Amino acid sequence: LQALQSATINSAKLLKADDQLGQIKSGFLADIIAVKGNPLENIAVLEDVQFVMKDGKVFK
């Protein structure tokens, strides 16, 4: 959990941009990855990224 928070909400707070970054939430900016499974339960699922969404466009 700490590793994921460091890459998301904690980084946004450090940049003083946590009012628009760091969470998947309505009105926030987000580039995301999709994985099969819950990385909070098994961090290894991050090794098999299903797709990346950047600026609203999906990339495989």
C-alpha atoms as a PDB file:
ATOM      1  CA  LEU A   1       0.000   0.000   0.000  1.00  0.00           C
ATOM      2  CA  GLN A   2       2.797   2.437   0.861  1.00  0.00           C
ATOM      3  CA  ALA A   3       4.463   1.959  -2.540  1.00  0.00           C
ATOM      4  CA  LEU A   4       1.217   2.730  -4.361  1.00  0.00           C
ATOM      5  CA  GLN A   5       0.550   5.758  -2.175  1.00  0.00           C
ATOM      6  CA  SER A   6       4.069   7.035  -2.851  1.00  0.00           C
ATOM      7  CA  ALA A   7       3.404   6.890  -6.593  1.00  0.00           C
ATOM      8  CA  THR A   8      -0.009   8.554  -6.348  1.00  0.00           C
ATOM      9  CA  ILE A   9      -1.450  10.655  -3.539  1.00  0.00           C
ATOM     10  CA  ASN A  10       1.839  11.299  -1.724  1.00  0.00           C
ATOM     11  CA  SER A  11       3.525  12.534  -4.916  1.00  0.00           C
ATOM     12  CA  ALA A  12       0.560  14.796  -5.649  1.00  0.00           C
ATOM     13  CA  LYS A  13       0.764  16.257  -2.139  1.00  0.00           C
ATOM     14  CA  LEU A  14       4.502  16.864  -2.511  1.00  0.00           C
ATOM     15  CA  LEU A  15       3.833  18.761  -5.752  1.00  0.00           C
ATOM     16  CA  LYS A  16       1.004  20.668  -4.039  1.00  0.00           C
ATOM     17  CA  ALA A  17      -1.328  19.331  -6.734  1.00  0.00           C
ATOM     18  CA  ASP A  18      -3.440  16.986  -4.618  1.00  0.00           C
ATOM     19  CA  ASP A  19      -6.518  19.048  -5.482  1.00  0.00           C
ATOM     20  CA  GLN A  20      -6.328  17.660  -9.030  1.00  0.00           C
ATOM     21  CA  LEU A  21      -3.922  14.676  -9.008  1.00  0.00           C
ATOM     22  CA  GLY A  22      -3.262  11.506  -7.050  1.00  0.00           C
ATOM     23  CA  GLN A  23      -6.742   9.971  -6.943  1.00  0.00           C
ATOM     24  CA  ILE A  24      -9.219   8.447  -9.352  1.00  0.00           C
ATOM     25  CA  LYS A  25     -12.025  10.841  -8.625  1.00  0.00           C
ATOM     26  CA  SER A  26     -14.467  12.987 -10.597  1.00  0.00           C
ATOM     27  CA  GLY A  27     -12.783  16.179 -11.763  1.00  0.00           C
ATOM     28  CA  PHE A  28      -9.239  14.880 -11.200  1.00  0.00           C
ATOM     29  CA  LEU A  29      -6.624  14.364 -13.923  1.00  0.00           C
ATOM     30  CA  ALA A  30      -5.472  10.764 -14.239  1.00  0.00           C
ATOM     31  CA  ASP A  31      -3.289   8.528 -16.348  1.00  0.00           C
ATOM     32  CA  ILE A  32      -4.040   4.967 -15.283  1.00  0.00           C
ATOM     33  CA  ILE A  33      -3.060   1.357 -15.836  1.00  0.00           C
ATOM     34  CA  ALA A  34      -5.356  -1.656 -15.740  1.00  0.00           C
ATOM     35  CA  VAL A  35      -4.261  -4.956 -14.231  1.00  0.00           C
ATOM     36  CA  LYS A  36      -5.969  -8.270 -13.532  1.00  0.00           C
ATOM     37  CA  GLY A  37      -6.244  -8.405  -9.779  1.00  0.00           C
ATOM     38  CA  ASN A  38      -5.766  -6.191  -6.790  1.00  0.00           C
ATOM     39  CA  PRO A  39      -2.220  -4.838  -6.346  1.00  0.00           C
ATOM     40  CA  LEU A  40      -2.980  -4.211  -2.673  1.00  0.00           C
ATOM     41  CA  GLU A  41      -3.366  -7.971  -2.241  1.00  0.00           C
ATOM     42  CA  ASN A  42      -0.666  -9.072  -4.709  1.00  0.00           C
ATOM     43  CA  ILE A  43       1.839  -6.497  -5.968  1.00  0.00           C
ATOM     44  CA  ALA A  44       2.956  -8.953  -8.690  1.00  0.00           C
ATOM     45  CA  VAL A  45      -0.183  -8.164 -10.737  1.00  0.00           C
ATOM     46  CA  LEU A  46       1.584  -4.925 -11.715  1.00  0.00           C
ATOM     47  CA  GLU A  47       3.973  -7.031 -13.825  1.00  0.00           C
ATOM     48  CA  ASP A  48       1.187  -7.789 -16.333  1.00  0.00           C
ATOM     49  CA  VAL A  49      -0.356  -4.461 -17.366  1.00  0.00           C
ATOM     50  CA  GLN A  50      -3.478  -4.962 -19.486  1.00  0.00           C
ATOM     51  CA  PHE A  51      -3.590  -1.404 -20.827  1.00  0.00           C
ATOM     52  CA  VAL A  52      -2.521   2.171 -20.155  1.00  0.00           C
ATOM     53  CA  MET A  53      -4.889   5.139 -20.400  1.00  0.00           C
ATOM     54  CA  LYS A  54      -3.171   8.475 -21.069  1.00  0.00           C
ATOM     55  CA  ASP A  55      -5.073  11.672 -21.804  1.00  0.00           C
ATOM     56  CA  GLY A  56      -8.252   9.627 -22.263  1.00  0.00           C
ATOM     57  CA  LYS A  57      -6.716   7.348 -24.919  1.00  0.00           C
ATOM     58  CA  VAL A  58      -6.194   3.625 -24.344  1.00  0.00           C
ATOM     59  CA  PHE A  59      -2.868   2.043 -25.309  1.00  0.00           C
ATOM     60  CA  LYS A  60      -2.042  -1.650 -25.176  1.00  0.00           C
END
